[in-house]
Amino acid sequence: MTDDELDTLLCAPLEELADDGFSVKVAARTERAAWWRERFALFAPVAAAAALAPFLPGEELTRAALRLSPELANSGAAAFGIGVLVLTLALEKRFREAQSAL
């Protein structure tokens, strides 16, 4: 076999394999699993907080929040931290999409 024949053989398109919808099923299952992971990551902390709420000292937490509210409202460090948190959450989805594209 010559180099030209080998190049022609390697450059020729391969026939498609009949997978009887296997690829579509795998893609759907992967998409469904990703959807459940996202929902779990979103609602698990909410469920944990709801489960712990009856056991928290509500009156003490309310007093502490009322005492700290004016201090936090005038705090530049708190504003900066909240801004960083908002930007992080906004860019997280884009970062995940870029990672999955690789």
PDB file of N, CA and C in Angstrom:
ATOM      1  N   MET A   1       0.855  -1.180   0.000  1.00  0.00           N
ATOM      2  CA  MET A   1       0.000   0.000   0.000  1.00  0.00           C
ATOM      3  C   MET A   1       0.894   1.234   0.000  1.00  0.00           C
ATOM      4  N   THR A   2       0.585   2.156  -0.865  1.00  0.00           N
ATOM      5  CA  THR A   2       1.380   3.367  -0.965  1.00  0.00           C
ATOM      6  C   THR A   2       0.848   4.409   0.013  1.00  0.00           C
ATOM      7  N   ASP A   3       1.613   5.466   0.144  1.00  0.00           N
ATOM      8  CA  ASP A   3       1.196   6.547   1.035  1.00  0.00           C
ATOM      9  C   ASP A   3      -0.086   7.222   0.551  1.00  0.00           C
ATOM     10  N   ASP A   4      -0.212   7.371  -0.771  1.00  0.00           N
ATOM     11  CA  ASP A   4      -1.420   8.004  -1.310  1.00  0.00           C
ATOM     12  C   ASP A   4      -2.655   7.150  -1.048  1.00  0.00           C
ATOM     13  N   GLU A   5      -2.518   5.843  -1.206  1.00  0.00           N
ATOM     14  CA  GLU A   5      -3.650   4.947  -0.937  1.00  0.00           C
ATOM     15  C   GLU A   5      -4.032   4.981   0.544  1.00  0.00           C
ATOM     16  N   LEU A   6      -3.023   5.021   1.388  1.00  0.00           N
ATOM     17  CA  LEU A   6      -3.285   5.093   2.827  1.00  0.00           C
ATOM     18  C   LEU A   6      -3.961   6.406   3.196  1.00  0.00           C
ATOM     19  N   ASP A   7      -3.500   7.515   2.623  1.00  0.00           N
ATOM     20  CA  ASP A   7      -4.139   8.812   2.864  1.00  0.00           C
ATOM     21  C   ASP A   7      -5.595   8.806   2.406  1.00  0.00           C
ATOM     22  N   THR A   8      -5.847   8.230   1.249  1.00  0.00           N
ATOM     23  CA  THR A   8      -7.211   8.158   0.726  1.00  0.00           C
ATOM     24  C   THR A   8      -8.085   7.316   1.656  1.00  0.00           C
ATOM     25  N   LEU A   9      -7.558   6.206   2.128  1.00  0.00           N
ATOM     26  CA  LEU A   9      -8.307   5.329   3.025  1.00  0.00           C
ATOM     27  C   LEU A   9      -8.604   6.017   4.345  1.00  0.00           C
ATOM     28  N   LEU A  10      -7.626   6.740   4.901  1.00  0.00           N
ATOM     29  CA  LEU A  10      -7.809   7.403   6.191  1.00  0.00           C
ATOM     30  C   LEU A  10      -8.687   8.649   6.092  1.00  0.00           C
ATOM     31  N   CYS A  11      -8.730   9.270   4.935  1.00  0.00           N
ATOM     32  CA  CYS A  11      -9.547  10.474   4.756  1.00  0.00           C
ATOM     33  C   CYS A  11     -10.986  10.160   4.371  1.00  0.00           C
ATOM     34  N   ALA A  12     -11.258   8.933   3.991  1.00  0.00           N
ATOM     35  CA  ALA A  12     -12.621   8.566   3.583  1.00  0.00           C
ATOM     36  C   ALA A  12     -13.533   8.587   4.816  1.00  0.00           C
ATOM     37  N   PRO A  13     -14.748   9.135   4.680  1.00  0.00           N
ATOM     38  CA  PRO A  13     -15.673   9.162   5.824  1.00  0.00           C
ATOM     39  C   PRO A  13     -16.131   7.751   6.190  1.00  0.00           C
ATOM     40  N   LEU A  14     -16.297   7.546   7.464  1.00  0.00           N
ATOM     41  CA  LEU A  14     -16.758   6.246   7.941  1.00  0.00           C
ATOM     42  C   LEU A  14     -18.275   6.178   7.891  1.00  0.00           C
ATOM     43  N   GLU A  15     -18.781   4.972   7.766  1.00  0.00           N
ATOM     44  CA  GLU A  15     -20.225   4.793   7.783  1.00  0.00           C
ATOM     45  C   GLU A  15     -20.745   5.047   9.189  1.00  0.00           C
ATOM     46  N   GLU A  16     -21.969   5.572   9.248  1.00  0.00           N
ATOM     47  CA  GLU A  16     -22.566   5.800  10.558  1.00  0.00           C
ATOM     48  C   GLU A  16     -22.981   4.468  11.160  1.00  0.00           C
ATOM     49  N   LEU A  17     -22.778   4.367  12.464  1.00  0.00           N
ATOM     50  CA  LEU A  17     -23.185   3.163  13.164  1.00  0.00           C
ATOM     51  C   LEU A  17     -24.647   3.284  13.575  1.00  0.00           C
ATOM     52  N   ALA A  18     -25.377   2.237  13.419  1.00  0.00           N
ATOM     53  CA  ALA A  18     -26.774   2.226  13.853  1.00  0.00           C
ATOM     54  C   ALA A  18     -26.802   1.937  15.347  1.00  0.00           C
ATOM     55  N   ASP A  19     -27.200   2.917  16.119  1.00  0.00           N
ATOM     56  CA  ASP A  19     -27.208   2.714  17.566  1.00  0.00           C
ATOM     57  C   ASP A  19     -28.618   2.608  18.131  1.00  0.00           C
ATOM     58  N   ASP A  20     -29.617   2.597  17.271  1.00  0.00           N
ATOM     59  CA  ASP A  20     -31.021   2.432  17.679  1.00  0.00           C
ATOM     60  C   ASP A  20     -31.437   3.429  18.750  1.00  0.00           C
ATOM     61  N   GLY A  21     -30.992   4.668  18.631  1.00  0.00           N
ATOM     62  CA  GLY A  21     -31.393   5.713  19.575  1.00  0.00           C
ATOM     63  C   GLY A  21     -30.596   5.725  20.865  1.00  0.00           C
ATOM     64  N   PHE A  22     -29.525   4.940  20.955  1.00  0.00           N
ATOM     65  CA  PHE A  22     -28.729   4.886  22.185  1.00  0.00           C
ATOM     66  C   PHE A  22     -28.130   6.246  22.520  1.00  0.00           C
ATOM     67  N   SER A  23     -27.574   6.921  21.520  1.00  0.00           N
ATOM     68  CA  SER A  23     -26.944   8.227  21.767  1.00  0.00           C
ATOM     69  C   SER A  23     -27.951   9.240  22.278  1.00  0.00           C
ATOM     70  N   VAL A  24     -29.152   9.221  21.729  1.00  0.00           N
ATOM     71  CA  VAL A  24     -30.193  10.149  22.158  1.00  0.00           C
ATOM     72  C   VAL A  24     -30.594   9.857  23.606  1.00  0.00           C
ATOM     73  N   LYS A  25     -30.710   8.569  23.944  1.00  0.00           N
ATOM     74  CA  LYS A  25     -31.076   8.183  25.314  1.00  0.00           C
ATOM     75  C   LYS A  25     -30.004   8.608  26.311  1.00  0.00           C
ATOM     76  N   VAL A  26     -28.738   8.407  25.952  1.00  0.00           N
ATOM     77  CA  VAL A  26     -27.642   8.794  26.851  1.00  0.00           C
ATOM     78  C   VAL A  26     -27.620  10.306  27.036  1.00  0.00           C
ATOM     79  N   ALA A  27     -27.816  11.051  25.950  1.00  0.00           N
ATOM     80  CA  ALA A  27     -27.824  12.515  26.052  1.00  0.00           C
ATOM     81  C   ALA A  27     -28.986  12.983  26.919  1.00  0.00           C
ATOM     82  N   ALA A  28     -30.156  12.372  26.766  1.00  0.00           N
ATOM     83  CA  ALA A  28     -31.312  12.749  27.583  1.00  0.00           C
ATOM     84  C   ALA A  28     -31.078  12.420  29.044  1.00  0.00           C
ATOM     85  N   ARG A  29     -30.510  11.269  29.324  1.00  0.00           N
ATOM     86  CA  ARG A  29     -30.232  10.877  30.704  1.00  0.00           C
ATOM     87  C   ARG A  29     -29.212  11.816  31.338  1.00  0.00           C
ATOM     88  N   THR A  30     -28.190  12.195  30.591  1.00  0.00           N
ATOM     89  CA  THR A  30     -27.177  13.113  31.104  1.00  0.00           C
ATOM     90  C   THR A  30     -27.786  14.480  31.398  1.00  0.00           C
ATOM     91  N   GLU A  31     -28.642  14.936  30.499  1.00  0.00           N
ATOM     92  CA  GLU A  31     -29.299  16.231  30.694  1.00  0.00           C
ATOM     93  C   GLU A  31     -30.223  16.198  31.921  1.00  0.00           C
ATOM     94  N   ARG A  32     -30.953  15.109  32.081  1.00  0.00           N
ATOM     95  CA  ARG A  32     -31.850  14.961  33.233  1.00  0.00           C
ATOM     96  C   ARG A  32     -31.056  14.925  34.550  1.00  0.00           C
ATOM     97  N   ALA A  33     -29.943  14.210  34.549  1.00  0.00           N
ATOM     98  CA  ALA A  33     -29.108  14.139  35.753  1.00  0.00           C
ATOM     99  C   ALA A  33     -28.548  15.513  36.105  1.00  0.00           C
ATOM    100  N   ALA A  34     -28.139  16.280  35.107  1.00  0.00           N
ATOM    101  CA  ALA A  34     -27.625  17.630  35.360  1.00  0.00           C
ATOM    102  C   ALA A  34     -28.728  18.520  35.914  1.00  0.00           C
ATOM    103  N   TRP A  35     -29.954  18.362  35.398  1.00  0.00           N
ATOM    104  CA  TRP A  35     -31.085  19.150  35.899  1.00  0.00           C
ATOM    105  C   TRP A  35     -31.337  18.837  37.373  1.00  0.00           C
ATOM    106  N   TRP A  36     -31.315  17.554  37.746  1.00  0.00           N
ATOM    107  CA  TRP A  36     -31.535  17.188  39.152  1.00  0.00           C
ATOM    108  C   TRP A  36     -30.406  17.685  40.050  1.00  0.00           C
ATOM    109  N   ARG A  37     -29.164  17.615  39.571  1.00  0.00           N
ATOM    110  CA  ARG A  37     -28.034  18.122  40.377  1.00  0.00           C
ATOM    111  C   ARG A  37     -28.179  19.611  40.645  1.00  0.00           C
ATOM    112  N   GLU A  38     -28.589  20.363  39.620  1.00  0.00           N
ATOM    113  CA  GLU A  38     -28.776  21.804  39.804  1.00  0.00           C
ATOM    114  C   GLU A  38     -29.885  22.084  40.806  1.00  0.00           C
ATOM    115  N   ARG A  39     -30.999  21.350  40.706  1.00  0.00           N
ATOM    116  CA  ARG A  39     -32.110  21.564  41.636  1.00  0.00           C
ATOM    117  C   ARG A  39     -31.714  21.189  43.061  1.00  0.00           C
ATOM    118  N   PHE A  40     -30.971  20.096  43.204  1.00  0.00           N
ATOM    119  CA  PHE A  40     -30.535  19.680  44.529  1.00  0.00           C
ATOM    120  C   PHE A  40     -29.606  20.722  45.141  1.00  0.00           C
ATOM    121  N   ALA A  41     -28.682  21.230  44.346  1.00  0.00           N
ATOM    122  CA  ALA A  41     -27.749  22.245  44.847  1.00  0.00           C
ATOM    123  C   ALA A  41     -28.479  23.519  45.240  1.00  0.00           C
ATOM    124  N   LEU A  42     -29.596  23.804  44.596  1.00  0.00           N
ATOM    125  CA  LEU A  42     -30.354  24.997  44.909  1.00  0.00           C
ATOM    126  C   LEU A  42     -31.235  24.803  46.139  1.00  0.00           C
ATOM    127  N   PHE A  43     -31.935  23.678  46.216  1.00  0.00           N
ATOM    128  CA  PHE A  43     -32.942  23.500  47.256  1.00  0.00           C
ATOM    129  C   PHE A  43     -32.452  22.784  48.508  1.00  0.00           C
ATOM    130  N   ALA A  44     -31.316  22.112  48.475  1.00  0.00           N
ATOM    131  CA  ALA A  44     -30.821  21.426  49.671  1.00  0.00           C
ATOM    132  C   ALA A  44     -30.532  22.408  50.808  1.00  0.00           C
ATOM    133  N   PRO A  45     -29.859  23.536  50.566  1.00  0.00           N
ATOM    134  CA  PRO A  45     -29.647  24.477  51.666  1.00  0.00           C
ATOM    135  C   PRO A  45     -30.956  25.074  52.193  1.00  0.00           C
ATOM    136  N   VAL A  46     -31.914  25.293  51.306  1.00  0.00           N
ATOM    137  CA  VAL A  46     -33.203  25.828  51.734  1.00  0.00           C
ATOM    138  C   VAL A  46     -33.915  24.809  52.623  1.00  0.00           C
ATOM    139  N   ALA A  47     -33.893  23.547  52.227  1.00  0.00           N
ATOM    140  CA  ALA A  47     -34.526  22.503  53.026  1.00  0.00           C
ATOM    141  C   ALA A  47     -33.836  22.345  54.376  1.00  0.00           C
ATOM    142  N   ALA A  48     -32.503  22.429  54.394  1.00  0.00           N
ATOM    143  CA  ALA A  48     -31.777  22.318  55.660  1.00  0.00           C
ATOM    144  C   ALA A  48     -32.118  23.483  56.583  1.00  0.00           C
ATOM    145  N   ALA A  49     -32.208  24.679  56.036  1.00  0.00           N
ATOM    146  CA  ALA A  49     -32.566  25.839  56.851  1.00  0.00           C
ATOM    147  C   ALA A  49     -33.997  25.716  57.372  1.00  0.00           C
ATOM    148  N   ALA A  50     -34.896  25.211  56.543  1.00  0.00           N
ATOM    149  CA  ALA A  50     -36.281  25.037  56.989  1.00  0.00           C
ATOM    150  C   ALA A  50     -36.379  23.979  58.082  1.00  0.00           C
ATOM    151  N   ALA A  51     -35.552  22.955  58.000  1.00  0.00           N
ATOM    152  CA  ALA A  51     -35.571  21.912  59.025  1.00  0.00           C
ATOM    153  C   ALA A  51     -34.998  22.422  60.343  1.00  0.00           C
ATOM    154  N   LEU A  52     -34.027  23.324  60.278  1.00  0.00           N
ATOM    155  CA  LEU A  52     -33.403  23.849  61.499  1.00  0.00           C
ATOM    156  C   LEU A  52     -34.147  25.033  62.098  1.00  0.00           C
ATOM    157  N   ALA A  53     -34.982  25.690  61.337  1.00  0.00           N
ATOM    158  CA  ALA A  53     -35.660  26.910  61.780  1.00  0.00           C
ATOM    159  C   ALA A  53     -36.422  26.750  63.095  1.00  0.00           C
ATOM    160  N   PRO A  54     -37.159  25.652  63.316  1.00  0.00           N
ATOM    161  CA  PRO A  54     -37.891  25.548  64.585  1.00  0.00           C
ATOM    162  C   PRO A  54     -36.991  25.462  65.815  1.00  0.00           C
ATOM    163  N   PHE A  55     -35.745  25.091  65.629  1.00  0.00           N
ATOM    164  CA  PHE A  55     -34.845  24.915  66.758  1.00  0.00           C
ATOM    165  C   PHE A  55     -33.956  26.129  67.023  1.00  0.00           C
ATOM    166  N   LEU A  56     -34.056  27.149  66.193  1.00  0.00           N
ATOM    167  CA  LEU A  56     -33.227  28.342  66.357  1.00  0.00           C
ATOM    168  C   LEU A  56     -33.870  29.306  67.359  1.00  0.00           C
ATOM    169  N   PRO A  57     -33.033  29.995  68.110  1.00  0.00           N
ATOM    170  CA  PRO A  57     -33.572  30.978  69.063  1.00  0.00           C
ATOM    171  C   PRO A  57     -33.982  32.252  68.319  1.00  0.00           C
ATOM    172  N   GLY A  58     -35.248  32.340  67.936  1.00  0.00           N
ATOM    173  CA  GLY A  58     -35.737  33.431  67.104  1.00  0.00           C
ATOM    174  C   GLY A  58     -35.622  34.796  67.746  1.00  0.00           C
ATOM    175  N   GLU A  59     -35.932  34.890  69.028  1.00  0.00           N
ATOM    176  CA  GLU A  59     -35.907  36.191  69.698  1.00  0.00           C
ATOM    177  C   GLU A  59     -34.496  36.765  69.764  1.00  0.00           C
ATOM    178  N   GLU A  60     -33.526  35.919  70.104  1.00  0.00           N
ATOM    179  CA  GLU A  60     -32.134  36.377  70.178  1.00  0.00           C
ATOM    180  C   GLU A  60     -31.608  36.768  68.792  1.00  0.00           C
ATOM    181  N   LEU A  61     -31.979  35.982  67.781  1.00  0.00           N
ATOM    182  CA  LEU A  61     -31.537  36.304  66.423  1.00  0.00           C
ATOM    183  C   LEU A  61     -32.138  37.627  65.943  1.00  0.00           C
ATOM    184  N   THR A  62     -33.379  37.875  66.300  1.00  0.00           N
ATOM    185  CA  THR A  62     -34.025  39.132  65.911  1.00  0.00           C
ATOM    186  C   THR A  62     -33.337  40.320  66.570  1.00  0.00           C
ATOM    187  N   ARG A  63     -33.037  40.190  67.869  1.00  0.00           N
ATOM    188  CA  ARG A  63     -32.345  41.286  68.565  1.00  0.00           C
ATOM    189  C   ARG A  63     -30.967  41.538  67.965  1.00  0.00           C
ATOM    190  N   ALA A  64     -30.250  40.478  67.664  1.00  0.00           N
ATOM    191  CA  ALA A  64     -28.917  40.629  67.073  1.00  0.00           C
ATOM    192  C   ALA A  64     -29.008  41.280  65.686  1.00  0.00           C
ATOM    193  N   ALA A  65     -30.001  40.881  64.889  1.00  0.00           N
ATOM    194  CA  ALA A  65     -30.160  41.474  63.561  1.00  0.00           C
ATOM    195  C   ALA A  65     -30.501  42.950  63.654  1.00  0.00           C
ATOM    196  N   LEU A  66     -31.360  43.305  64.590  1.00  0.00           N
ATOM    197  CA  LEU A  66     -31.717  44.721  64.755  1.00  0.00           C
ATOM    198  C   LEU A  66     -30.532  45.552  65.224  1.00  0.00           C
ATOM    199  N   ARG A  67     -29.686  44.971  66.048  1.00  0.00           N
ATOM    200  CA  ARG A  67     -28.513  45.687  66.544  1.00  0.00           C
ATOM    201  C   ARG A  67     -27.452  45.841  65.447  1.00  0.00           C
ATOM    202  N   LEU A  68     -27.305  44.816  64.603  1.00  0.00           N
ATOM    203  CA  LEU A  68     -26.256  44.843  63.571  1.00  0.00           C
ATOM    204  C   LEU A  68     -26.687  45.537  62.285  1.00  0.00           C
ATOM    205  N   SER A  69     -27.971  45.680  62.042  1.00  0.00           N
ATOM    206  CA  SER A  69     -28.454  46.250  60.780  1.00  0.00           C
ATOM    207  C   SER A  69     -27.881  47.631  60.475  1.00  0.00           C
ATOM    208  N   PRO A  70     -27.925  48.585  61.397  1.00  0.00           N
ATOM    209  CA  PRO A  70     -27.357  49.901  61.070  1.00  0.00           C
ATOM    210  C   PRO A  70     -25.850  49.842  60.813  1.00  0.00           C
ATOM    211  N   GLU A  71     -25.156  48.993  61.550  1.00  0.00           N
ATOM    212  CA  GLU A  71     -23.708  48.885  61.350  1.00  0.00           C
ATOM    213  C   GLU A  71     -23.399  48.291  59.974  1.00  0.00           C
ATOM    214  N   LEU A  72     -24.158  47.278  59.574  1.00  0.00           N
ATOM    215  CA  LEU A  72     -23.927  46.666  58.263  1.00  0.00           C
ATOM    216  C   LEU A  72     -24.325  47.593  57.124  1.00  0.00           C
ATOM    217  N   ALA A  73     -25.369  48.381  57.330  1.00  0.00           N
ATOM    218  CA  ALA A  73     -25.830  49.282  56.277  1.00  0.00           C
ATOM    219  C   ALA A  73     -24.787  50.347  55.960  1.00  0.00           C
ATOM    220  N   ASN A  74     -23.994  50.741  56.938  1.00  0.00           N
ATOM    221  CA  ASN A  74     -22.977  51.773  56.734  1.00  0.00           C
ATOM    222  C   ASN A  74     -21.585  51.200  56.495  1.00  0.00           C
ATOM    223  N   SER A  75     -21.478  49.900  56.348  1.00  0.00           N
ATOM    224  CA  SER A  75     -20.174  49.253  56.221  1.00  0.00           C
ATOM    225  C   SER A  75     -19.762  49.130  54.755  1.00  0.00           C
ATOM    226  N   GLY A  76     -18.640  49.699  54.411  1.00  0.00           N
ATOM    227  CA  GLY A  76     -18.093  49.561  53.061  1.00  0.00           C
ATOM    228  C   GLY A  76     -17.608  48.143  52.800  1.00  0.00           C
ATOM    229  N   ALA A  77     -17.060  47.503  53.835  1.00  0.00           N
ATOM    230  CA  ALA A  77     -16.574  46.136  53.670  1.00  0.00           C
ATOM    231  C   ALA A  77     -17.729  45.184  53.365  1.00  0.00           C
ATOM    232  N   ALA A  78     -18.859  45.374  54.038  1.00  0.00           N
ATOM    233  CA  ALA A  78     -20.021  44.517  53.776  1.00  0.00           C
ATOM    234  C   ALA A  78     -20.541  44.751  52.367  1.00  0.00           C
ATOM    235  N   ALA A  79     -20.579  45.993  51.920  1.00  0.00           N
ATOM    236  CA  ALA A  79     -21.041  46.296  50.565  1.00  0.00           C
ATOM    237  C   ALA A  79     -20.119  45.666  49.525  1.00  0.00           C
ATOM    238  N   PHE A  80     -18.821  45.728  49.778  1.00  0.00           N
ATOM    239  CA  PHE A  80     -17.854  45.116  48.866  1.00  0.00           C
ATOM    240  C   PHE A  80     -18.040  43.602  48.838  1.00  0.00           C
ATOM    241  N   GLY A  81     -18.195  42.996  49.998  1.00  0.00           N
ATOM    242  CA  GLY A  81     -18.388  41.550  50.069  1.00  0.00           C
ATOM    243  C   GLY A  81     -19.645  41.101  49.358  1.00  0.00           C
ATOM    244  N   ILE A  82     -20.734  41.846  49.523  1.00  0.00           N
ATOM    245  CA  ILE A  82     -21.982  41.507  48.846  1.00  0.00           C
ATOM    246  C   ILE A  82     -21.834  41.671  47.337  1.00  0.00           C
ATOM    247  N   GLY A  83     -21.134  42.699  46.914  1.00  0.00           N
ATOM    248  CA  GLY A  83     -20.884  42.892  45.485  1.00  0.00           C
ATOM    249  C   GLY A  83     -20.085  41.749  44.888  1.00  0.00           C
ATOM    250  N   VAL A  84     -19.053  41.304  45.600  1.00  0.00           N
ATOM    251  CA  VAL A  84     -18.253  40.168  45.131  1.00  0.00           C
ATOM    252  C   VAL A  84     -19.113  38.916  45.052  1.00  0.00           C
ATOM    253  N   LEU A  85     -19.955  38.701  46.043  1.00  0.00           N
ATOM    254  CA  LEU A  85     -20.831  37.534  46.041  1.00  0.00           C
ATOM    255  C   LEU A  85     -21.804  37.566  44.863  1.00  0.00           C
ATOM    256  N   VAL A  86     -22.377  38.711  44.580  1.00  0.00           N
ATOM    257  CA  VAL A  86     -23.314  38.845  43.458  1.00  0.00           C
ATOM    258  C   VAL A  86     -22.590  38.586  42.138  1.00  0.00           C
ATOM    259  N   LEU A  87     -21.411  39.134  41.962  1.00  0.00           N
ATOM    260  CA  LEU A  87     -20.659  38.898  40.729  1.00  0.00           C
ATOM    261  C   LEU A  87     -20.268  37.430  40.594  1.00  0.00           C
ATOM    262  N   THR A  88     -19.889  36.809  41.685  1.00  0.00           N
ATOM    263  CA  THR A  88     -19.518  35.398  41.648  1.00  0.00           C
ATOM    264  C   THR A  88     -20.693  34.547  41.204  1.00  0.00           C
ATOM    265  N   LEU A  89     -21.863  34.787  41.771  1.00  0.00           N
ATOM    266  CA  LEU A  89     -23.040  34.012  41.398  1.00  0.00           C
ATOM    267  C   LEU A  89     -23.450  34.280  39.952  1.00  0.00           C
ATOM    268  N   ALA A  90     -23.285  35.514  39.494  1.00  0.00           N
ATOM    269  CA  ALA A  90     -23.658  35.852  38.121  1.00  0.00           C
ATOM    270  C   ALA A  90     -22.726  35.192  37.107  1.00  0.00           C
ATOM    271  N   LEU A  91     -21.465  35.068  37.444  1.00  0.00           N
ATOM    272  CA  LEU A  91     -20.492  34.508  36.500  1.00  0.00           C
ATOM    273  C   LEU A  91     -20.324  33.004  36.622  1.00  0.00           C
ATOM    274  N   GLU A  92     -20.892  32.398  37.643  1.00  0.00           N
ATOM    275  CA  GLU A  92     -20.713  30.968  37.859  1.00  0.00           C
ATOM    276  C   GLU A  92     -21.264  30.145  36.702  1.00  0.00           C
ATOM    277  N   LYS A  93     -22.431  30.496  36.233  1.00  0.00           N
ATOM    278  CA  LYS A  93     -23.043  29.744  35.142  1.00  0.00           C
ATOM    279  C   LYS A  93     -22.185  29.836  33.880  1.00  0.00           C
ATOM    280  N   ARG A  94     -21.698  31.013  33.579  1.00  0.00           N
ATOM    281  CA  ARG A  94     -20.848  31.165  32.391  1.00  0.00           C
ATOM    282  C   ARG A  94     -19.575  30.345  32.512  1.00  0.00           C
ATOM    283  N   PHE A  95     -19.008  30.306  33.706  1.00  0.00           N
ATOM    284  CA  PHE A  95     -17.789  29.532  33.930  1.00  0.00           C
ATOM    285  C   PHE A  95     -18.060  28.035  33.728  1.00  0.00           C
ATOM    286  N   ARG A  96     -19.191  27.559  34.255  1.00  0.00           N
ATOM    287  CA  ARG A  96     -19.529  26.141  34.087  1.00  0.00           C
ATOM    288  C   ARG A  96     -19.740  25.799  32.617  1.00  0.00           C
ATOM    289  N   GLU A  97     -20.398  26.687  31.873  1.00  0.00           N
ATOM    290  CA  GLU A  97     -20.606  26.452  30.460  1.00  0.00           C
ATOM    291  C   GLU A  97     -19.289  26.406  29.700  1.00  0.00           C
ATOM    292  N   ALA A  98     -18.369  27.290  30.071  1.00  0.00           N
ATOM    293  CA  ALA A  98     -17.058  27.296  29.415  1.00  0.00           C
ATOM    294  C   ALA A  98     -16.285  26.018  29.745  1.00  0.00           C
ATOM    295  N   GLN A  99     -16.399  25.534  30.981  1.00  0.00           N
ATOM    296  CA  GLN A  99     -15.703  24.331  31.392  1.00  0.00           C
ATOM    297  C   GLN A  99     -16.273  23.108  30.649  1.00  0.00           C
ATOM    298  N   SER A 100     -17.598  23.065  30.498  1.00  0.00           N
ATOM    299  CA  SER A 100     -18.202  21.908  29.826  1.00  0.00           C
ATOM    300  C   SER A 100     -17.909  21.931  28.327  1.00  0.00           C
ATOM    301  N   ALA A 101     -17.640  23.111  27.755  1.00  0.00           N
ATOM    302  CA  ALA A 101     -17.314  23.196  26.337  1.00  0.00           C
ATOM    303  C   ALA A 101     -15.934  22.641  26.040  1.00  0.00           C
ATOM    304  N   LEU A 102     -15.085  22.610  27.055  1.00  0.00           N
ATOM    305  CA  LEU A 102     -13.749  22.070  26.840  1.00  0.00           C
ATOM    306  C   LEU A 102     -13.843  20.589  26.759  1.00  0.00           C
TER     307      LEU A 102
END
